[in-house]
C-alpha cells in the first residue's frame, strides 16, 4: 500500500473549491508506476510538464508518450534525497513557466524479507530519506515559490498505510504517516496564502512496488485508474484524496478493535518483500 492518527477524511474541509486546470506541472518519481500515469493523465495541448526521476531511459519514454498527447515536456535527473538539488530543479522549472501544480510523488518500498523477522536497518533509513525527506524537500521548495504569488497546488502522495501500519513494512508505514502529518501542518501554515495542499492516500496500486510484495493485496487498482482519481480530485481543489473508500472505512473500523483481535485479522494479509527497492 501506496500508518499515527490523522485527520478524518471526506470532511467539509475537503469540499471542492472550484474546478481548476493546470498548465505548468512538476512531478517527482515520474519515470514509472503512479508518477508515469499522472504525467500521462495531465498531458494535453497547452500543458508543460517537468518530469523528475532517477531513471533516464524510463523518463524519456514517459516524455515521448506525453508529447504525443500534445504536452510540452522537460525531464531531469532528480534524487529527492538531495534537498538542495530539488529546490534548484523546481526553481529552474518555475523560471521557464510558473508552476501551478507540484506533485511530490517519488517513493520506494522496502520491507521484511522472507527469511527475516524485521526489515534491513540501512534500507529502512534510506526509505525514510526518500519517502518522507524527499516529500518534505519537494513540498517546501514548491511552497517557497508559490506563496509570494498567492496561488498554486501542492500534492503529496501518502498512502492508506498512514492509517494501517504494516508489520512487514514498518519504515514505509512510518514514512507515509509522516507525509500525512507534514501535509496537514503545511496546509495550516499556508492557509492564508491561497495555496491548496492536497494529501493523497491511495490503497494498493499495481506498480513495481506491489509486484515485489508477496502476499494479499486487496482492492488493488491500476495506476491509470489511480491517476484519474487523483487528477480529478486536484482539479476540484480537494485537500484529501482517498481511495478506495471502502478500504479506508474498513481500516477505520479495524483501528477501533483490541490489539490481539487486530493482529489476528492482520495475519492473512501479512507479506514479505522481494529484493530491490521498487519505485512507485
C-alpha atoms as a PDB file:
ATOM      1  CA  UNK A   1       0.000   0.000   0.000  1.00  0.00           C
ATOM      2  CA  UNK A   2       0.747   3.118  -1.732  1.00  0.00           C
ATOM      3  CA  UNK A   3       0.415   4.325   9.318  1.00  0.00           C
ATOM      4  CA  UNK A   4      -0.434   7.952  13.518  1.00  0.00           C
ATOM      5  CA  UNK A   5      -3.825   9.117  13.720  1.00  0.00           C
ATOM      6  CA  UNK A   6      -4.518  11.666  11.039  1.00  0.00           C
ATOM      7  CA  UNK A   7      -7.462  13.821  10.130  1.00  0.00           C
ATOM      8  CA  UNK A   8     -10.733  12.192   9.228  1.00  0.00           C
ATOM      9  CA  UNK A   9     -11.174  12.071   5.509  1.00  0.00           C
ATOM     10  CA  UNK A  10     -14.095  13.285   3.460  1.00  0.00           C
ATOM     11  CA  UNK A  11     -14.894  16.158   5.814  1.00  0.00           C
ATOM     12  CA  UNK A  12     -16.176  19.620   4.941  1.00  0.00           C
ATOM     13  CA  UNK A  13     -12.585  20.879   4.678  1.00  0.00           C
ATOM     14  CA  UNK A  14     -12.171  18.589   1.690  1.00  0.00           C
ATOM     15  CA  UNK A  15     -15.043  20.096  -0.269  1.00  0.00           C
ATOM     16  CA  UNK A  16     -14.241  21.321  -3.739  1.00  0.00           C
ATOM     17  CA  UNK A  17     -13.056  24.907  -4.014  1.00  0.00           C
ATOM     18  CA  UNK A  18     -13.515  25.372  -7.748  1.00  0.00           C
ATOM     19  CA  UNK A  19     -12.581  23.332 -10.764  1.00  0.00           C
ATOM     20  CA  UNK A  20      -9.150  24.301 -11.981  1.00  0.00           C
ATOM     21  CA  UNK A  21      -6.855  23.325 -14.797  1.00  0.00           C
ATOM     22  CA  UNK A  22      -3.089  23.093 -14.593  1.00  0.00           C
ATOM     23  CA  UNK A  23      -0.770  24.470 -17.260  1.00  0.00           C
ATOM     24  CA  UNK A  24       2.629  24.012 -15.585  1.00  0.00           C
ATOM     25  CA  UNK A  25       3.234  20.840 -13.588  1.00  0.00           C
ATOM     26  CA  UNK A  26       6.276  19.285 -11.911  1.00  0.00           C
ATOM     27  CA  UNK A  27       6.178  15.619 -10.879  1.00  0.00           C
ATOM     28  CA  UNK A  28       8.824  13.687  -8.964  1.00  0.00           C
ATOM     29  CA  UNK A  29       9.182   9.951  -9.466  1.00  0.00           C
ATOM     30  CA  UNK A  30       7.696  10.349 -12.939  1.00  0.00           C
ATOM     31  CA  UNK A  31       9.552   7.515 -14.660  1.00  0.00           C
ATOM     32  CA  UNK A  32       7.281   4.633 -13.689  1.00  0.00           C
ATOM     33  CA  UNK A  33       4.149   3.499 -11.931  1.00  0.00           C
ATOM     34  CA  UNK A  34       1.879   6.145 -10.477  1.00  0.00           C
ATOM     35  CA  UNK A  35       4.165   9.027 -11.489  1.00  0.00           C
ATOM     36  CA  UNK A  36       4.107   7.901 -15.102  1.00  0.00           C
ATOM     37  CA  UNK A  37       0.321   7.540 -15.031  1.00  0.00           C
ATOM     38  CA  UNK A  38      -0.082  11.010 -13.509  1.00  0.00           C
ATOM     39  CA  UNK A  39       2.083  12.557 -16.216  1.00  0.00           C
ATOM     40  CA  UNK A  40       0.054  10.894 -18.956  1.00  0.00           C
ATOM     41  CA  UNK A  41      -3.240  11.861 -17.319  1.00  0.00           C
ATOM     42  CA  UNK A  42      -2.180  15.513 -17.185  1.00  0.00           C
ATOM     43  CA  UNK A  43      -0.626  15.617 -20.668  1.00  0.00           C
ATOM     44  CA  UNK A  44      -2.567  17.631 -23.229  1.00  0.00           C
ATOM     45  CA  UNK A  45      -2.007  20.594 -25.562  1.00  0.00           C
ATOM     46  CA  UNK A  46      -1.096  23.763 -23.692  1.00  0.00           C
ATOM     47  CA  UNK A  47       0.348  21.931 -20.679  1.00  0.00           C
ATOM     48  CA  UNK A  48       4.043  21.995 -19.813  1.00  0.00           C
ATOM     49  CA  UNK A  49       5.276  19.031 -17.785  1.00  0.00           C
ATOM     50  CA  UNK A  50       8.524  18.936 -15.828  1.00  0.00           C
ATOM     51  CA  UNK A  51       9.289  15.305 -15.060  1.00  0.00           C
ATOM     52  CA  UNK A  52      11.884  14.359 -12.462  1.00  0.00           C
ATOM     53  CA  UNK A  53      13.245  10.931 -11.698  1.00  0.00           C
ATOM     54  CA  UNK A  54      16.313   8.744 -11.324  1.00  0.00           C
ATOM     55  CA  UNK A  55      15.944   6.614 -14.452  1.00  0.00           C
ATOM     56  CA  UNK A  56      16.752   8.485 -17.656  1.00  0.00           C
ATOM     57  CA  UNK A  57      15.560   5.879 -20.156  1.00  0.00           C
ATOM     58  CA  UNK A  58      12.186   5.461 -18.479  1.00  0.00           C
ATOM     59  CA  UNK A  59      11.743   9.227 -18.136  1.00  0.00           C
ATOM     60  CA  UNK A  60      12.458   9.631 -21.841  1.00  0.00           C
ATOM     61  CA  UNK A  61       9.778   7.052 -22.664  1.00  0.00           C
ATOM     62  CA  UNK A  62       7.222   8.852 -20.496  1.00  0.00           C
ATOM     63  CA  UNK A  63       8.182  12.196 -22.032  1.00  0.00           C
ATOM     64  CA  UNK A  64       7.675  10.832 -25.550  1.00  0.00           C
ATOM     65  CA  UNK A  65       4.251   9.454 -24.641  1.00  0.00           C
ATOM     66  CA  UNK A  66       3.236  12.802 -23.122  1.00  0.00           C
ATOM     67  CA  UNK A  67       4.428  14.728 -26.192  1.00  0.00           C
ATOM     68  CA  UNK A  68       2.245  12.521 -28.379  1.00  0.00           C
ATOM     69  CA  UNK A  69      -0.679  13.804 -26.306  1.00  0.00           C
ATOM     70  CA  UNK A  70       0.332  17.373 -27.069  1.00  0.00           C
ATOM     71  CA  UNK A  71       2.158  18.412 -23.899  1.00  0.00           C
ATOM     72  CA  UNK A  72       5.464  20.227 -23.746  1.00  0.00           C
ATOM     73  CA  UNK A  73       7.851  18.139 -21.657  1.00  0.00           C
ATOM     74  CA  UNK A  74      11.221  18.597 -19.980  1.00  0.00           C
ATOM     75  CA  UNK A  75      12.972  15.872 -18.000  1.00  0.00           C
ATOM     76  CA  UNK A  76      15.702  15.970 -15.380  1.00  0.00           C
ATOM     77  CA  UNK A  77      17.604  13.609 -13.124  1.00  0.00           C
ATOM     78  CA  UNK A  78      16.200  14.342  -9.667  1.00  0.00           C
ATOM     79  CA  UNK A  79      17.140  12.484  -6.491  1.00  0.00           C
ATOM     80  CA  UNK A  80      14.694  13.801  -3.908  1.00  0.00           C
ATOM     81  CA  UNK A  81      17.075  12.883  -1.083  1.00  0.00           C
ATOM     82  CA  UNK A  82      19.155  15.894  -2.189  1.00  0.00           C
ATOM     83  CA  UNK A  83      17.062  18.810  -0.914  1.00  0.00           C
ATOM     84  CA  UNK A  84      19.256  21.491  -2.491  1.00  0.00           C
ATOM     85  CA  UNK A  85      19.066  19.805  -5.892  1.00  0.00           C
ATOM     86  CA  UNK A  86      15.283  19.503  -5.625  1.00  0.00           C
ATOM     87  CA  UNK A  87      14.985  23.193  -4.762  1.00  0.00           C
ATOM     88  CA  UNK A  88      17.236  24.191  -7.669  1.00  0.00           C
ATOM     89  CA  UNK A  89      15.276  21.995 -10.088  1.00  0.00           C
ATOM     90  CA  UNK A  90      11.903  23.412  -9.076  1.00  0.00           C
ATOM     91  CA  UNK A  91      13.235  26.969  -9.255  1.00  0.00           C
ATOM     92  CA  UNK A  92      14.506  26.285 -12.776  1.00  0.00           C
ATOM     93  CA  UNK A  93      11.135  24.814 -13.800  1.00  0.00           C
ATOM     94  CA  UNK A  94       9.331  27.790 -12.298  1.00  0.00           C
ATOM     95  CA  UNK A  95      11.601  30.127 -14.237  1.00  0.00           C
ATOM     96  CA  UNK A  96      10.536  28.524 -17.516  1.00  0.00           C
ATOM     97  CA  UNK A  97       6.820  28.663 -16.680  1.00  0.00           C
ATOM     98  CA  UNK A  98       5.432  29.466 -13.197  1.00  0.00           C
ATOM     99  CA  UNK A  99       4.347  26.191 -11.626  1.00  0.00           C
ATOM    100  CA  UNK A 100       0.704  25.846 -10.670  1.00  0.00           C
ATOM    101  CA  UNK A 101       0.927  22.180  -9.602  1.00  0.00           C
ATOM    102  CA  UNK A 102       3.758  20.247  -7.966  1.00  0.00           C
ATOM    103  CA  UNK A 103       3.235  16.551  -7.205  1.00  0.00           C
ATOM    104  CA  UNK A 104       5.619  15.089  -4.616  1.00  0.00           C
ATOM    105  CA  UNK A 105       5.246  11.503  -5.748  1.00  0.00           C
ATOM    106  CA  UNK A 106       8.711   9.914  -5.586  1.00  0.00           C
ATOM    107  CA  UNK A 107       8.806   6.952  -3.252  1.00  0.00           C
ATOM    108  CA  UNK A 108      10.226   3.478  -2.734  1.00  0.00           C
ATOM    109  CA  UNK A 109       9.176   0.350  -0.888  1.00  0.00           C
ATOM    110  CA  UNK A 110      11.285  -1.855   1.331  1.00  0.00           C
ATOM    111  CA  UNK A 111      10.127  -4.312   3.926  1.00  0.00           C
ATOM    112  CA  UNK A 112      10.741  -7.603   5.621  1.00  0.00           C
ATOM    113  CA  UNK A 113      12.480 -10.248   3.526  1.00  0.00           C
ATOM    114  CA  UNK A 114      11.046 -13.770   3.648  1.00  0.00           C
ATOM    115  CA  UNK A 115      13.820 -15.084   5.912  1.00  0.00           C
ATOM    116  CA  UNK A 116      13.839 -12.139   8.352  1.00  0.00           C
ATOM    117  CA  UNK A 117      11.672 -11.001  11.230  1.00  0.00           C
ATOM    118  CA  UNK A 118      12.486  -7.313  10.717  1.00  0.00           C
ATOM    119  CA  UNK A 119      13.459  -5.175   7.734  1.00  0.00           C
ATOM    120  CA  UNK A 120      17.049  -4.174   6.999  1.00  0.00           C
ATOM    121  CA  UNK A 121      18.032  -1.104   9.040  1.00  0.00           C
ATOM    122  CA  UNK A 122      20.041   0.646   6.313  1.00  0.00           C
ATOM    123  CA  UNK A 123      17.337   0.104   3.707  1.00  0.00           C
ATOM    124  CA  UNK A 124      14.706   1.373   6.139  1.00  0.00           C
ATOM    125  CA  UNK A 125      16.663   4.564   6.849  1.00  0.00           C
ATOM    126  CA  UNK A 126      17.175   5.197   3.135  1.00  0.00           C
ATOM    127  CA  UNK A 127      13.463   4.668   2.513  1.00  0.00           C
ATOM    128  CA  UNK A 128      12.538   7.302   5.090  1.00  0.00           C
ATOM    129  CA  UNK A 129      15.013   9.715   3.486  1.00  0.00           C
ATOM    130  CA  UNK A 130      13.260   9.222   0.138  1.00  0.00           C
ATOM    131  CA  UNK A 131       9.615   8.852   1.105  1.00  0.00           C
ATOM    132  CA  UNK A 132       9.471  11.453   3.858  1.00  0.00           C
ATOM    133  CA  UNK A 133      12.579  13.596   3.447  1.00  0.00           C
ATOM    134  CA  UNK A 134      12.075  13.831  -0.303  1.00  0.00           C
ATOM    135  CA  UNK A 135       8.437  14.841   0.031  1.00  0.00           C
ATOM    136  CA  UNK A 136       9.297  17.469   2.649  1.00  0.00           C
ATOM    137  CA  UNK A 137      12.051  18.873   0.417  1.00  0.00           C
ATOM    138  CA  UNK A 138       9.791  18.949  -2.649  1.00  0.00           C
ATOM    139  CA  UNK A 139       6.743  20.449  -0.968  1.00  0.00           C
ATOM    140  CA  UNK A 140       8.706  23.044   0.990  1.00  0.00           C
ATOM    141  CA  UNK A 141      10.578  24.234  -2.092  1.00  0.00           C
ATOM    142  CA  UNK A 142       7.308  24.393  -4.038  1.00  0.00           C
ATOM    143  CA  UNK A 143       5.616  26.399  -1.282  1.00  0.00           C
ATOM    144  CA  UNK A 144       8.506  28.884  -1.246  1.00  0.00           C
ATOM    145  CA  UNK A 145       7.858  29.522  -4.944  1.00  0.00           C
ATOM    146  CA  UNK A 146       4.071  29.700  -4.730  1.00  0.00           C
ATOM    147  CA  UNK A 147       3.474  31.699  -1.540  1.00  0.00           C
ATOM    148  CA  UNK A 148       4.704  35.046  -2.957  1.00  0.00           C
ATOM    149  CA  UNK A 149       2.226  34.871  -5.841  1.00  0.00           C
ATOM    150  CA  UNK A 150      -0.637  33.608  -3.691  1.00  0.00           C
ATOM    151  CA  UNK A 151      -1.684  30.587  -5.715  1.00  0.00           C
ATOM    152  CA  UNK A 152      -0.720  27.033  -6.596  1.00  0.00           C
ATOM    153  CA  UNK A 153      -1.414  23.416  -5.678  1.00  0.00           C
ATOM    154  CA  UNK A 154       0.989  21.024  -3.985  1.00  0.00           C
ATOM    155  CA  UNK A 155       0.035  17.340  -3.895  1.00  0.00           C
ATOM    156  CA  UNK A 156       1.826  14.990  -1.506  1.00  0.00           C
ATOM    157  CA  UNK A 157       1.432  11.267  -2.170  1.00  0.00           C
ATOM    158  CA  UNK A 158       0.968   9.381   1.091  1.00  0.00           C
ATOM    159  CA  UNK A 159      -0.810   6.021   1.419  1.00  0.00           C
ATOM    160  CA  UNK A 160      -3.550   4.249   3.308  1.00  0.00           C
ATOM    161  CA  UNK A 161      -0.593   2.728   5.171  1.00  0.00           C
ATOM    162  CA  UNK A 162      -0.569   6.045   7.051  1.00  0.00           C
ATOM    163  CA  UNK A 163      -3.665   4.740   8.850  1.00  0.00           C
ATOM    164  CA  UNK A 164      -2.910   0.997   8.731  1.00  0.00           C
ATOM    165  CA  UNK A 165       0.753   0.383   9.653  1.00  0.00           C
ATOM    166  CA  UNK A 166       2.165  -2.807   8.146  1.00  0.00           C
ATOM    167  CA  UNK A 167       4.135  -5.069  10.470  1.00  0.00           C
ATOM    168  CA  UNK A 168       6.095  -6.237   7.425  1.00  0.00           C
ATOM    169  CA  UNK A 169       6.964  -2.693   6.266  1.00  0.00           C
ATOM    170  CA  UNK A 170       7.253  -0.522   9.395  1.00  0.00           C
ATOM    171  CA  UNK A 171       9.519   2.130   7.863  1.00  0.00           C
ATOM    172  CA  UNK A 172       7.251   2.506   4.830  1.00  0.00           C
ATOM    173  CA  UNK A 173       4.223   2.900   7.093  1.00  0.00           C
ATOM    174  CA  UNK A 174       6.027   5.443   9.270  1.00  0.00           C
ATOM    175  CA  UNK A 175       7.171   7.432   6.246  1.00  0.00           C
ATOM    176  CA  UNK A 176       3.608   7.687   4.946  1.00  0.00           C
ATOM    177  CA  UNK A 177       2.244   8.691   8.345  1.00  0.00           C
ATOM    178  CA  UNK A 178       4.901  11.387   8.352  1.00  0.00           C
ATOM    179  CA  UNK A 179       3.820  12.619   4.924  1.00  0.00           C
ATOM    180  CA  UNK A 180       0.226  12.918   6.115  1.00  0.00           C
ATOM    181  CA  UNK A 181       1.263  14.800   9.255  1.00  0.00           C
ATOM    182  CA  UNK A 182       3.527  17.126   7.279  1.00  0.00           C
ATOM    183  CA  UNK A 183       0.822  17.857   4.702  1.00  0.00           C
ATOM    184  CA  UNK A 184      -1.681  18.667   7.438  1.00  0.00           C
ATOM    185  CA  UNK A 185       0.754  21.052   9.115  1.00  0.00           C
ATOM    186  CA  UNK A 186       1.830  22.688   5.845  1.00  0.00           C
ATOM    187  CA  UNK A 187      -1.806  23.233   4.889  1.00  0.00           C
ATOM    188  CA  UNK A 188      -2.322  25.239   8.074  1.00  0.00           C
ATOM    189  CA  UNK A 189       0.967  27.106   7.656  1.00  0.00           C
ATOM    190  CA  UNK A 190      -0.031  28.469   4.236  1.00  0.00           C
ATOM    191  CA  UNK A 191      -3.775  28.725   4.894  1.00  0.00           C
ATOM    192  CA  UNK A 192      -3.751  32.496   4.370  1.00  0.00           C
ATOM    193  CA  UNK A 193      -1.628  32.375   1.218  1.00  0.00           C
ATOM    194  CA  UNK A 194      -4.048  30.986  -1.369  1.00  0.00           C
ATOM    195  CA  UNK A 195      -2.337  27.607  -1.813  1.00  0.00           C
ATOM    196  CA  UNK A 196      -4.042  24.214  -1.914  1.00  0.00           C
ATOM    197  CA  UNK A 197      -2.136  21.490  -0.077  1.00  0.00           C
ATOM    198  CA  UNK A 198      -3.548  18.108  -1.049  1.00  0.00           C
ATOM    199  CA  UNK A 199      -2.552  14.796   0.515  1.00  0.00           C
ATOM    200  CA  UNK A 200      -3.269  11.628  -1.465  1.00  0.00           C
ATOM    201  CA  UNK A 201      -3.972   8.311   0.269  1.00  0.00           C
ATOM    202  CA  UNK A 202      -4.139   5.514  -2.312  1.00  0.00           C
ATOM    203  CA  UNK A 203      -4.567   1.891  -1.416  1.00  0.00           C
ATOM    204  CA  UNK A 204      -2.736  -0.788  -3.378  1.00  0.00           C
ATOM    205  CA  UNK A 205      -1.754   0.442  -6.850  1.00  0.00           C
ATOM    206  CA  UNK A 206      -0.423  -2.047  -9.395  1.00  0.00           C
ATOM    207  CA  UNK A 207       3.179  -0.853  -9.811  1.00  0.00           C
ATOM    208  CA  UNK A 208       6.742  -2.064  -9.438  1.00  0.00           C
ATOM    209  CA  UNK A 209       6.291  -1.746  -5.693  1.00  0.00           C
ATOM    210  CA  UNK A 210       3.307  -4.044  -5.397  1.00  0.00           C
ATOM    211  CA  UNK A 211       4.946  -6.513  -7.795  1.00  0.00           C
ATOM    212  CA  UNK A 212       7.548  -7.084  -5.070  1.00  0.00           C
ATOM    213  CA  UNK A 213       5.001  -7.618  -2.304  1.00  0.00           C
ATOM    214  CA  UNK A 214       4.421 -11.323  -1.794  1.00  0.00           C
ATOM    215  CA  UNK A 215       1.040 -11.586  -0.114  1.00  0.00           C
ATOM    216  CA  UNK A 216      -2.555 -10.428  -0.310  1.00  0.00           C
ATOM    217  CA  UNK A 217      -3.191  -7.053  -1.984  1.00  0.00           C
ATOM    218  CA  UNK A 218      -6.917  -6.371  -1.535  1.00  0.00           C
ATOM    219  CA  UNK A 219      -8.781  -3.902  -3.750  1.00  0.00           C
ATOM    220  CA  UNK A 220      -5.754  -3.139  -5.930  1.00  0.00           C
ATOM    221  CA  UNK A 221      -6.292  -0.605  -8.737  1.00  0.00           C
ATOM    222  CA  UNK A 222      -4.360   0.162 -11.898  1.00  0.00           C
ATOM    223  CA  UNK A 223      -2.047   3.196 -11.956  1.00  0.00           C
ATOM    224  CA  UNK A 224      -4.224   4.697 -14.686  1.00  0.00           C
ATOM    225  CA  UNK A 225      -7.361   4.446 -12.540  1.00  0.00           C
ATOM    226  CA  UNK A 226      -5.483   5.893  -9.570  1.00  0.00           C
ATOM    227  CA  UNK A 227      -4.179   8.793 -11.665  1.00  0.00           C
ATOM    228  CA  UNK A 228      -7.677   9.619 -12.893  1.00  0.00           C
ATOM    229  CA  UNK A 229      -8.955   9.757  -9.318  1.00  0.00           C
ATOM    230  CA  UNK A 230      -6.067  11.929  -8.184  1.00  0.00           C
ATOM    231  CA  UNK A 231      -6.175  14.409 -11.066  1.00  0.00           C
ATOM    232  CA  UNK A 232      -9.951  14.756 -10.767  1.00  0.00           C
ATOM    233  CA  UNK A 233      -9.596  15.495  -7.070  1.00  0.00           C
ATOM    234  CA  UNK A 234      -6.821  18.021  -7.644  1.00  0.00           C
ATOM    235  CA  UNK A 235      -8.874  19.763 -10.330  1.00  0.00           C
ATOM    236  CA  UNK A 236     -11.624  20.219  -7.738  1.00  0.00           C
ATOM    237  CA  UNK A 237      -9.233  21.597  -5.152  1.00  0.00           C
ATOM    238  CA  UNK A 238      -9.641  18.694  -2.754  1.00  0.00           C
ATOM    239  CA  UNK A 239      -7.258  18.648   0.184  1.00  0.00           C
ATOM    240  CA  UNK A 240      -7.840  14.935   0.878  1.00  0.00           C
ATOM    241  CA  UNK A 241      -7.965  12.356  -1.909  1.00  0.00           C
ATOM    242  CA  UNK A 242      -8.503   8.845  -0.573  1.00  0.00           C
ATOM    243  CA  UNK A 243      -9.341   5.607  -2.349  1.00  0.00           C
ATOM    244  CA  UNK A 244     -10.712   3.031  -2.347  1.00  0.00           C
ATOM    245  CA  UNK A 245     -13.167   4.474   0.169  1.00  0.00           C
ATOM    246  CA  UNK A 246     -14.423   1.047   1.229  1.00  0.00           C
ATOM    247  CA  UNK A 247     -10.914   0.027   2.276  1.00  0.00           C
ATOM    248  CA  UNK A 248     -10.462   3.302   4.168  1.00  0.00           C
ATOM    249  CA  UNK A 249     -13.684   2.668   6.084  1.00  0.00           C
ATOM    250  CA  UNK A 250     -12.594  -0.882   6.938  1.00  0.00           C
ATOM    251  CA  UNK A 251      -9.256   0.454   8.187  1.00  0.00           C
ATOM    252  CA  UNK A 252     -11.098   2.909  10.418  1.00  0.00           C
ATOM    253  CA  UNK A 253     -13.141   0.097  11.960  1.00  0.00           C
ATOM    254  CA  UNK A 254     -10.033  -2.069  12.309  1.00  0.00           C
ATOM    255  CA  UNK A 255      -8.286   0.621  14.334  1.00  0.00           C
ATOM    256  CA  UNK A 256     -11.029   0.553  16.967  1.00  0.00           C
ATOM    257  CA  UNK A 257     -10.539  -3.164  17.715  1.00  0.00           C
ATOM    258  CA  UNK A 258      -8.492  -4.635  20.598  1.00  0.00           C
ATOM    259  CA  UNK A 259      -4.806  -5.272  19.829  1.00  0.00           C
ATOM    260  CA  UNK A 260      -4.989  -9.083  19.810  1.00  0.00           C
ATOM    261  CA  UNK A 261      -8.022  -9.096  17.549  1.00  0.00           C
ATOM    262  CA  UNK A 262      -6.322  -6.656  15.157  1.00  0.00           C
ATOM    263  CA  UNK A 263      -3.283  -8.926  14.971  1.00  0.00           C
ATOM    264  CA  UNK A 264      -5.465 -11.961  14.277  1.00  0.00           C
ATOM    265  CA  UNK A 265      -7.284 -10.139  11.475  1.00  0.00           C
ATOM    266  CA  UNK A 266      -3.971  -8.949  10.027  1.00  0.00           C
ATOM    267  CA  UNK A 267      -2.492 -12.442   9.790  1.00  0.00           C
ATOM    268  CA  UNK A 268      -3.900 -13.374   6.341  1.00  0.00           C
ATOM    269  CA  UNK A 269      -2.648 -10.046   4.960  1.00  0.00           C
ATOM    270  CA  UNK A 270       0.973 -10.362   6.085  1.00  0.00           C
ATOM    271  CA  UNK A 271       3.582 -10.272   3.325  1.00  0.00           C
ATOM    272  CA  UNK A 272       7.282 -10.161   2.578  1.00  0.00           C
ATOM    273  CA  UNK A 273       9.134  -8.030   0.066  1.00  0.00           C
ATOM    274  CA  UNK A 274      11.414  -9.349  -2.669  1.00  0.00           C
ATOM    275  CA  UNK A 275      14.900  -7.913  -3.186  1.00  0.00           C
ATOM    276  CA  UNK A 276      15.266  -4.449  -4.687  1.00  0.00           C
ATOM    277  CA  UNK A 277      13.793  -1.065  -3.835  1.00  0.00           C
ATOM    278  CA  UNK A 278      10.824  -0.738  -6.139  1.00  0.00           C
ATOM    279  CA  UNK A 279       9.981   2.800  -7.204  1.00  0.00           C
ATOM    280  CA  UNK A 280       6.395   3.910  -7.006  1.00  0.00           C
END
